[in-house]
Amino acid sequence: MRPDKILPWLLGAALGAAGWIQGSHWRSTSPASGDGELEAKVVGLENEIALLKRENESLRSLAQGGGEVHVDPALIDFTEEALGMDFKSNPQVHRVAGEELRDRIVASIEARYGPHGLDSRQQAWALMGLLTADDRFAPQLAATKSVGARSWFDEQSGEGWVTDRFDPQSVPDQAALIRALGRILLHQHYPPAPGWPGDEAAMAREALHHGAAMAAENRYLARQALATGFTGLKENTEARDLMESLPPFVRGLATFPSVLGLPRASRLMDQEEFRGALHKPPAITADFYPDHEGMEFNPPPLPETPGNALLVESAGMLGLKLWLDSMGEEFPKLGDGWHGDQYRLFATSDVASHLVWEIRFDSAKTADTFLKAAGEMISALAGTEQAPAPGEITATPENRFLALARSSPDTVRFLNTADRPTAETLVR
């Protein structure tokens, strides 16, 4: 029998049992009973009722795919005070089995990009060298959010989730719930605009919201430390080991909201500018780097390409820095010279996909240095001993064709095509 069919019957049985226990309690309170015996009976009855309540919640979770979690009003009050706004409606927090959380997160990641949107990005990022052919972006990113997680916020529904191991009496679990409540509260007041704003704008908004919710969580932990002597969280070694095993691109996207979003939000939360920043969040990831706050996005135009455009997006300063991250300490600083970029994934047949990526820098000198770094990246991708010169086309073992070109004094073009003629056309 399905859980949703047996739930009413089981709930009725549970309520009947609770009523019988309560009746027994009334009878046991007659003057004939001794004080010690009465107290023991009351304790026993309370324990039985608590057990029934837990079983009742488990049944609801089984029938509904995750039971609704009671949120302590004190935690709601703290969240509202920390973020300076009130909930418009009661926050919805659900319980989910730990092994199911990652699947829910994967589904949420896939849904945010729309039909085939994530597939196109996965393909584009692989052609750029941000991912390998064996990487799977959604499951890898979902793992960073689910391994050892105490809570999670679903951007699609505006609701929070905790795992079935959530302990409402645990300070770390309470703090994690504060973070989820913070995301719900911000979502109620500043929901995402209809449609997809672009990868850069979505990442920047996520960083600001997640950073603000983390700041509220940290304030709660600090208050508990003063009030109860709570000494802090234990390191999640499982999550640490996972992060170390991931490609720099996935690791960088996963940690960006906490590494750069948290300090930005913490600085703004007690200022009048906080509401303004939430109303109009930064549109580019570069805005979160201290030396680039407030910079304008100036993307270079893309050249005309044959076939059908599958995706046009920006990797941003964050993406460029992560692209350079695998090349040693010398090159990632070049990302600070980013002034705008665009890439296009396009197809000339069902099996032939190509990518062109235009990156604008703050000066011709920075573009010169980047050409050297990008040449070494092409050499690594193609497995050649010598980096190609600008305009030179390099074939890979997979029969792809890579090239660099100087579009303008401050702009570099990166190509990864399925055939040599397409590369020859775009490298000119």
Protein backbone atom coordinates (compact mmCIF):
# COMPACT_ATOMS: atom_id res chain seq x y z
CA MET A 1 0.00 0.00 0.00
CA ARG A 2 1.31 3.49 -0.88
CA PRO A 3 2.46 5.65 2.04
CA ASP A 4 0.04 8.43 1.15
CA LYS A 5 -2.83 5.92 1.41
CA ILE A 6 -1.90 4.50 4.80
CA LEU A 7 -0.96 7.84 6.32
CA PRO A 8 -4.50 8.86 7.45
CA TRP A 9 -5.03 5.45 9.06
CA LEU A 10 -1.71 5.54 10.87
CA LEU A 11 -2.22 9.13 12.00
CA GLY A 12 -5.59 8.19 13.40
CA ALA A 13 -4.05 5.28 15.27
CA ALA A 14 -1.33 7.54 16.60
CA LEU A 15 -3.85 10.10 17.81
CA GLY A 16 -5.97 7.39 19.39
CA ALA A 17 -2.96 6.01 21.21
CA ALA A 18 -2.03 9.47 22.41
CA GLY A 19 -5.58 9.93 23.71
CA TRP A 20 -5.45 6.60 25.55
CA ILE A 21 -2.13 7.58 27.11
CA GLN A 22 -3.52 10.95 28.14
CA GLY A 23 -6.55 9.23 29.68
CA SER A 24 -4.27 6.91 31.60
CA HIS A 25 -2.40 9.96 32.78
CA TRP A 26 -5.60 11.53 34.13
CA ARG A 27 -6.50 8.35 35.99
CA SER A 28 -3.03 8.12 37.43
CA THR A 29 -3.31 11.57 38.95
CA SER A 30 -5.86 10.49 41.59
CA PRO A 31 -4.97 11.34 45.21
CA ALA A 32 -4.47 7.62 45.97
CA SER A 33 -1.19 7.58 44.05
CA GLY A 34 2.00 8.51 45.82
CA ASP A 35 3.98 11.52 44.67
CA GLY A 36 6.99 9.42 43.56
CA GLU A 37 4.87 6.93 41.68
CA LEU A 38 2.87 9.73 40.05
CA GLU A 39 6.01 11.50 38.88
CA ALA A 40 7.39 8.28 37.36
CA LYS A 41 4.15 7.65 35.49
CA VAL A 42 4.08 11.20 34.13
CA VAL A 43 7.66 10.90 32.88
CA GLY A 44 6.88 7.57 31.23
CA LEU A 45 3.78 8.98 29.55
CA GLU A 46 5.66 12.01 28.28
CA ASN A 47 8.31 9.75 26.79
CA GLU A 48 5.67 7.66 25.04
CA ILE A 49 3.97 10.77 23.64
CA ALA A 50 7.32 12.12 22.41
CA LEU A 51 7.93 8.77 20.68
CA LEU A 52 4.54 8.94 19.01
CA LYS A 53 5.26 12.46 17.82
CA ARG A 54 8.55 11.37 16.26
CA GLU A 55 6.86 8.41 14.57
CA ASN A 56 4.12 10.73 13.34
CA GLU A 57 6.71 13.06 11.78
CA SER A 58 8.45 10.09 10.15
CA LEU A 59 5.17 8.98 8.60
CA ARG A 60 4.55 12.45 7.21
CA SER A 61 8.06 12.48 5.77
CA LEU A 62 7.49 9.09 4.14
CA ALA A 63 4.19 10.16 2.60
CA GLN A 64 5.22 13.64 1.47
CA GLY A 65 8.80 12.97 0.40
CA GLY A 66 10.14 14.99 3.33
CA GLY A 67 8.19 16.10 6.37
CA GLU A 68 7.85 19.76 7.22
CA VAL A 69 10.19 20.78 10.02
CA HIS A 70 8.99 22.87 12.92
CA VAL A 71 11.11 26.01 13.07
CA ASP A 72 11.74 27.50 16.49
CA PRO A 73 10.25 31.05 16.55
CA ALA A 74 13.43 32.22 18.28
CA LEU A 75 15.45 31.26 15.19
CA ILE A 76 13.00 33.12 12.98
CA ASP A 77 13.30 36.21 15.17
CA PHE A 78 17.09 36.02 15.09
CA THR A 79 17.14 35.74 11.28
CA GLU A 80 14.83 38.72 10.89
CA GLU A 81 16.92 40.80 13.27
CA ALA A 82 20.21 39.87 11.61
CA LEU A 83 19.01 40.74 8.10
CA GLY A 84 16.82 43.67 9.08
CA MET A 85 13.57 42.48 7.49
CA ASP A 86 10.55 40.35 8.36
CA PHE A 87 9.27 37.18 6.74
CA LYS A 88 6.35 37.83 4.41
CA SER A 89 5.05 34.31 5.05
CA ASN A 90 6.02 31.41 7.26
CA PRO A 91 9.31 29.89 6.04
CA GLN A 92 8.92 26.38 4.70
CA VAL A 93 11.63 23.91 5.73
CA HIS A 94 11.44 20.22 4.84
CA ARG A 95 13.27 17.11 5.90
CA VAL A 96 14.88 14.81 3.34
CA ALA A 97 16.93 11.64 3.59
CA GLY A 98 20.63 12.42 3.33
CA GLU A 99 21.11 10.11 0.35
CA GLU A 100 18.32 11.91 -1.53
CA LEU A 101 19.63 15.42 -1.00
CA ARG A 102 22.23 15.27 -3.76
CA ASP A 103 19.62 14.12 -6.29
CA ARG A 104 17.42 17.07 -5.38
CA ILE A 105 20.34 19.46 -5.76
CA VAL A 106 21.30 17.99 -9.14
CA ALA A 107 17.72 18.45 -10.34
CA SER A 108 17.73 22.06 -9.11
CA ILE A 109 21.02 22.82 -10.90
CA GLU A 110 19.73 21.33 -14.14
CA ALA A 111 16.40 23.17 -13.87
CA ARG A 112 17.94 26.61 -13.39
CA TYR A 113 19.52 26.54 -16.87
CA GLY A 114 16.43 25.26 -18.66
CA PRO A 115 16.16 22.46 -21.24
CA HIS A 116 19.58 21.58 -22.72
CA GLY A 117 21.12 24.68 -21.14
CA LEU A 118 23.41 22.75 -18.84
CA ASP A 119 24.38 20.33 -21.62
CA SER A 120 25.51 23.27 -23.77
CA ARG A 121 27.50 24.79 -20.92
CA GLN A 122 29.11 21.47 -20.07
CA GLN A 123 30.19 21.16 -23.69
CA ALA A 124 31.42 24.75 -23.90
CA TRP A 125 33.39 24.54 -20.65
CA ALA A 126 35.03 21.32 -21.86
CA LEU A 127 36.03 22.98 -25.17
CA MET A 128 37.46 25.91 -23.20
CA GLY A 129 39.48 23.60 -20.98
CA LEU A 130 37.62 24.44 -17.78
CA LEU A 131 36.39 20.84 -17.54
CA THR A 132 37.63 17.55 -18.90
CA ALA A 133 35.59 15.13 -20.96
CA ASP A 134 35.14 12.96 -17.86
CA ASP A 135 33.81 15.74 -15.61
CA ARG A 136 30.09 15.96 -14.88
CA PHE A 137 29.33 19.46 -13.70
CA ALA A 138 25.93 19.06 -12.01
CA PRO A 139 26.75 15.97 -9.89
CA GLN A 140 30.15 17.42 -8.94
CA LEU A 141 28.73 20.79 -7.93
CA ALA A 142 25.84 19.07 -6.11
CA ALA A 143 28.35 17.03 -4.12
CA THR A 144 29.95 20.22 -2.79
CA LYS A 145 26.55 21.30 -1.47
CA SER A 146 25.42 17.94 -0.07
CA VAL A 147 28.41 16.08 1.40
CA GLY A 148 28.20 16.64 5.15
CA ALA A 149 25.59 19.37 4.66
CA ARG A 150 23.22 20.24 7.48
CA SER A 151 20.89 22.38 5.36
CA TRP A 152 20.25 23.49 1.79
CA PHE A 153 18.22 26.24 0.16
CA ASP A 154 16.31 25.48 -3.04
CA GLU A 155 16.42 28.53 -5.31
CA GLN A 156 13.68 27.08 -7.53
CA SER A 157 11.03 26.80 -4.79
CA GLY A 158 12.32 29.34 -2.26
CA GLU A 159 12.18 26.67 0.47
CA GLY A 160 14.75 25.12 2.78
CA TRP A 161 15.75 21.53 3.44
CA VAL A 162 17.49 19.69 6.26
CA THR A 163 18.60 16.07 6.31
CA ASP A 164 17.02 13.34 8.40
CA ARG A 165 19.98 13.65 10.79
CA PHE A 166 19.02 17.23 11.69
CA ASP A 167 19.01 17.74 15.47
CA PRO A 168 17.05 20.84 16.56
CA GLN A 169 18.99 20.90 19.86
CA SER A 170 22.39 20.99 18.17
CA VAL A 171 23.97 24.45 17.89
CA PRO A 172 25.66 23.67 14.53
CA ASP A 173 22.35 22.40 13.16
CA GLN A 174 20.54 25.49 14.45
CA ALA A 175 23.15 27.68 12.77
CA ALA A 176 22.78 25.80 9.50
CA LEU A 177 19.02 26.30 9.72
CA ILE A 178 19.64 30.03 10.26
CA ARG A 179 21.53 30.07 6.96
CA ALA A 180 18.63 28.38 5.15
CA LEU A 181 16.15 30.75 6.82
CA GLY A 182 18.28 33.68 5.71
CA ARG A 183 18.11 32.54 2.09
CA ILE A 184 14.34 32.07 2.36
CA LEU A 185 13.91 35.55 3.84
CA LEU A 186 16.03 37.20 1.16
CA HIS A 187 14.20 35.23 -1.53
CA GLN A 188 10.84 36.46 -0.25
CA HIS A 189 11.90 40.10 -0.43
CA TYR A 190 14.25 39.96 -3.43
CA PRO A 191 13.24 37.01 -5.64
CA PRO A 192 15.06 36.40 -8.93
CA ALA A 193 13.69 38.25 -11.92
CA PRO A 194 11.80 36.21 -14.54
CA GLY A 195 14.03 34.61 -17.11
CA TRP A 196 17.72 33.87 -16.95
CA PRO A 197 19.87 36.98 -16.32
CA GLY A 198 23.07 35.37 -17.60
CA ASP A 199 25.59 33.19 -15.82
CA GLU A 200 27.62 36.10 -14.45
CA ALA A 201 24.61 37.95 -13.02
CA ALA A 202 23.18 34.76 -11.52
CA MET A 203 26.49 33.90 -9.87
CA ALA A 204 26.87 37.44 -8.48
CA ARG A 205 23.35 37.43 -7.02
CA GLU A 206 23.94 33.98 -5.50
CA ALA A 207 27.17 35.20 -3.90
CA LEU A 208 25.48 38.18 -2.29
CA HIS A 209 22.47 36.22 -0.96
CA HIS A 210 24.52 33.25 0.22
CA GLY A 211 27.09 35.56 1.78
CA ALA A 212 24.41 37.45 3.72
CA ALA A 213 22.85 34.20 4.97
CA MET A 214 26.30 32.93 6.03
CA ALA A 215 26.92 36.21 7.86
CA ALA A 216 23.69 35.68 9.82
CA GLU A 217 24.78 32.11 10.58
CA ASN A 218 28.17 33.32 11.84
CA ARG A 219 26.52 35.90 14.07
CA TYR A 220 24.37 33.19 15.61
CA LEU A 221 27.42 31.03 16.29
CA ALA A 222 29.21 33.99 17.85
CA ARG A 223 26.21 34.67 20.11
CA GLN A 224 26.10 31.03 21.18
CA ALA A 225 29.81 31.15 21.96
CA LEU A 226 29.24 34.07 24.33
CA ALA A 227 26.07 32.67 25.87
CA THR A 228 26.88 28.97 26.23
CA GLY A 229 30.61 28.64 25.62
CA PHE A 230 30.09 26.88 22.27
CA THR A 231 33.60 26.43 20.87
CA GLY A 232 32.90 26.16 17.16
CA LEU A 233 32.29 23.70 14.36
CA LYS A 234 34.32 20.59 13.68
CA GLU A 235 36.02 20.46 10.29
CA ASN A 236 34.09 18.49 7.69
CA THR A 237 36.99 16.36 6.49
CA GLU A 238 34.80 14.51 3.99
CA ALA A 239 33.86 17.79 2.30
CA ARG A 240 37.48 18.95 2.40
CA ASP A 241 38.70 15.78 0.70
CA LEU A 242 35.94 16.09 -1.90
CA MET A 243 36.93 19.68 -2.72
CA GLU A 244 40.54 18.68 -3.23
CA SER A 245 39.48 16.01 -5.75
CA LEU A 246 37.39 18.36 -7.91
CA PRO A 247 38.57 20.35 -10.94
CA PRO A 248 39.52 23.97 -10.09
CA PHE A 249 36.53 25.29 -12.04
CA VAL A 250 33.91 23.39 -10.00
CA ARG A 251 35.77 24.04 -6.75
CA GLY A 252 36.02 27.74 -7.53
CA LEU A 253 32.33 28.13 -8.39
CA ALA A 254 31.36 26.23 -5.23
CA THR A 255 33.49 28.36 -2.90
CA PHE A 256 33.02 31.77 -4.55
CA PRO A 257 29.87 32.68 -2.52
CA SER A 258 31.61 31.98 0.80
CA VAL A 259 35.10 33.24 -0.07
CA LEU A 260 34.05 36.53 -1.67
CA GLY A 261 30.29 36.79 -1.12
CA LEU A 262 30.53 36.50 2.67
CA PRO A 263 32.99 39.40 3.24
CA ARG A 264 31.05 41.64 0.85
CA ALA A 265 27.70 40.90 2.52
CA SER A 266 29.15 41.15 6.04
CA ARG A 267 30.41 44.64 5.26
CA LEU A 268 27.07 45.75 3.83
CA MET A 269 24.65 44.21 6.34
CA ASP A 270 24.81 47.01 8.91
CA GLN A 271 24.82 49.78 6.31
CA GLU A 272 22.05 51.54 4.42
CA GLU A 273 23.55 50.29 1.16
CA PHE A 274 22.56 46.70 2.00
CA ARG A 275 18.97 47.02 0.76
CA GLY A 276 20.18 48.82 -2.34
CA ALA A 277 22.67 46.07 -3.12
CA LEU A 278 19.94 43.44 -2.72
CA HIS A 279 17.58 45.41 -4.94
CA LYS A 280 20.25 45.80 -7.62
CA PRO A 281 22.95 43.18 -7.01
CA PRO A 282 26.27 43.24 -8.87
CA ALA A 283 25.97 41.93 -12.40
CA ILE A 284 29.50 40.52 -12.70
CA THR A 285 31.74 38.38 -10.50
CA ALA A 286 34.56 40.93 -10.91
CA ASP A 287 32.58 43.26 -8.63
CA PHE A 288 33.36 40.99 -5.67
CA TYR A 289 37.11 41.33 -5.98
CA PRO A 290 38.17 44.25 -3.73
CA ASP A 291 40.21 46.08 -6.39
CA HIS A 292 37.44 45.83 -8.99
CA GLU A 293 34.31 46.77 -7.06
CA GLY A 294 32.01 48.88 -9.20
CA MET A 295 33.77 48.19 -12.52
CA GLU A 296 31.78 48.24 -15.74
CA PHE A 297 31.24 45.18 -17.90
CA ASN A 298 32.63 45.85 -21.37
CA PRO A 299 32.35 42.63 -23.39
CA PRO A 300 34.07 42.51 -26.80
CA PRO A 301 31.90 41.71 -29.82
CA LEU A 302 31.95 38.17 -31.13
CA PRO A 303 32.79 37.51 -34.79
CA GLU A 304 30.25 36.12 -37.21
CA THR A 305 30.19 32.35 -37.15
CA PRO A 306 28.62 29.74 -39.46
CA GLY A 307 25.87 27.33 -38.46
CA ASN A 308 23.62 27.71 -35.43
CA ALA A 309 24.50 29.44 -32.16
CA LEU A 310 23.78 27.09 -29.25
CA LEU A 311 24.92 29.31 -26.38
CA VAL A 312 26.31 32.82 -25.88
CA GLU A 313 27.65 33.53 -22.39
CA SER A 314 30.44 35.10 -20.34
CA ALA A 315 32.97 33.26 -18.17
CA GLY A 316 33.68 36.48 -16.25
CA MET A 317 36.71 37.38 -14.19
CA LEU A 318 35.99 34.38 -11.96
CA GLY A 319 35.95 31.97 -14.90
CA LEU A 320 39.12 33.43 -16.37
CA LYS A 321 40.97 33.19 -13.06
CA LEU A 322 39.85 29.57 -12.68
CA TRP A 323 40.94 28.86 -16.29
CA LEU A 324 44.39 30.16 -15.41
CA ASP A 325 44.49 28.49 -12.01
CA SER A 326 45.83 25.17 -13.25
CA MET A 327 48.88 26.82 -14.86
CA GLY A 328 50.81 27.75 -11.74
CA GLU A 329 51.19 30.85 -9.61
CA GLU A 330 52.45 33.12 -12.39
CA PHE A 331 49.32 33.38 -14.50
CA PRO A 332 46.15 33.63 -12.32
CA LYS A 333 46.97 37.29 -11.55
CA LEU A 334 46.36 38.00 -15.25
CA GLY A 335 42.67 37.59 -14.45
CA ASP A 336 42.82 40.94 -12.65
CA GLY A 337 43.27 42.53 -16.07
CA TRP A 338 39.90 41.18 -17.29
CA HIS A 339 37.60 43.89 -18.67
CA GLY A 340 35.00 41.70 -20.36
CA ASP A 341 34.51 38.48 -22.31
CA GLN A 342 32.00 36.52 -24.34
CA TYR A 343 32.00 33.03 -25.76
CA ARG A 344 29.77 31.34 -28.30
CA LEU A 345 29.15 27.63 -28.72
CA PHE A 346 27.92 26.99 -32.27
CA ALA A 347 27.27 23.99 -34.49
CA THR A 348 27.64 23.42 -38.22
CA SER A 349 26.17 19.90 -38.11
CA ASP A 350 24.68 17.49 -35.62
CA VAL A 351 28.13 16.28 -34.63
CA ALA A 352 30.35 19.31 -35.25
CA SER A 353 30.40 21.85 -32.40
CA HIS A 354 32.79 24.79 -32.20
CA LEU A 355 33.68 27.47 -29.67
CA VAL A 356 34.99 31.00 -29.99
CA TRP A 357 35.93 32.99 -26.88
CA GLU A 358 36.79 36.70 -26.95
CA ILE A 359 38.52 38.20 -23.88
CA ARG A 360 39.20 41.93 -23.42
CA PHE A 361 41.97 43.13 -21.08
CA ASP A 362 42.88 46.40 -19.46
CA SER A 363 45.87 46.94 -21.76
CA ALA A 364 47.73 45.55 -24.75
CA LYS A 365 50.55 44.56 -22.39
CA THR A 366 48.21 42.32 -20.36
CA ALA A 367 46.85 40.83 -23.59
CA ASP A 368 50.43 40.05 -24.67
CA THR A 369 51.12 38.20 -21.42
CA PHE A 370 47.83 36.35 -21.65
CA LEU A 371 48.72 35.15 -25.16
CA LYS A 372 51.73 33.41 -23.65
CA ALA A 373 49.60 31.76 -20.95
CA ALA A 374 46.91 30.72 -23.41
CA GLY A 375 49.57 29.26 -25.72
CA GLU A 376 50.77 27.05 -22.89
CA MET A 377 47.19 26.01 -22.18
CA ILE A 378 46.72 24.99 -25.84
CA SER A 379 49.99 23.06 -25.69
CA ALA A 380 48.71 21.19 -22.61
CA LEU A 381 45.32 20.47 -24.18
CA ALA A 382 46.89 19.24 -27.44
CA GLY A 383 49.77 17.39 -25.81
CA THR A 384 52.43 19.27 -27.80
CA GLU A 385 55.86 20.25 -26.55
CA GLN A 386 55.83 23.82 -27.90
CA ALA A 387 53.18 26.50 -27.40
CA PRO A 388 51.71 27.78 -30.70
CA ALA A 389 52.22 31.32 -31.93
CA PRO A 390 49.18 33.56 -32.49
CA GLY A 391 47.44 32.53 -35.70
CA GLU A 392 48.92 29.03 -35.66
CA ILE A 393 46.41 26.16 -35.65
CA THR A 394 47.15 23.16 -33.44
CA ALA A 395 45.47 19.77 -33.94
CA THR A 396 44.66 17.66 -30.88
CA PRO A 397 44.70 13.84 -30.62
CA GLU A 398 40.87 14.01 -30.69
CA ASN A 399 41.06 15.75 -34.08
CA ARG A 400 40.02 19.13 -32.70
CA PHE A 401 41.69 22.37 -33.83
CA LEU A 402 42.88 25.01 -31.35
CA ALA A 403 44.15 28.50 -32.12
CA LEU A 404 44.74 31.97 -30.71
CA ALA A 405 44.30 35.28 -32.48
CA ARG A 406 44.70 38.95 -31.63
CA SER A 407 41.29 40.51 -32.36
CA SER A 408 42.45 43.98 -31.31
CA PRO A 409 45.34 45.40 -29.26
CA ASP A 410 43.59 44.59 -25.97
CA THR A 411 41.55 41.51 -27.04
CA VAL A 412 42.50 37.84 -27.46
CA ARG A 413 40.46 35.22 -29.33
CA PHE A 414 40.53 31.56 -28.29
CA LEU A 415 39.25 28.93 -30.74
CA ASN A 416 38.36 25.27 -30.42
CA THR A 417 36.78 23.97 -33.64
CA ALA A 418 35.75 20.61 -35.04
CA ASP A 419 37.45 21.23 -38.39
CA ARG A 420 40.42 23.16 -39.74
CA PRO A 421 38.51 25.36 -42.26
CA THR A 422 36.38 26.87 -39.46
CA ALA A 423 39.51 27.60 -37.45
CA GLU A 424 41.22 29.13 -40.48
CA THR A 425 38.25 31.44 -41.07
CA LEU A 426 38.10 32.69 -37.50
CA VAL A 427 41.80 32.99 -36.84
CA ARG A 428 42.25 35.69 -39.49
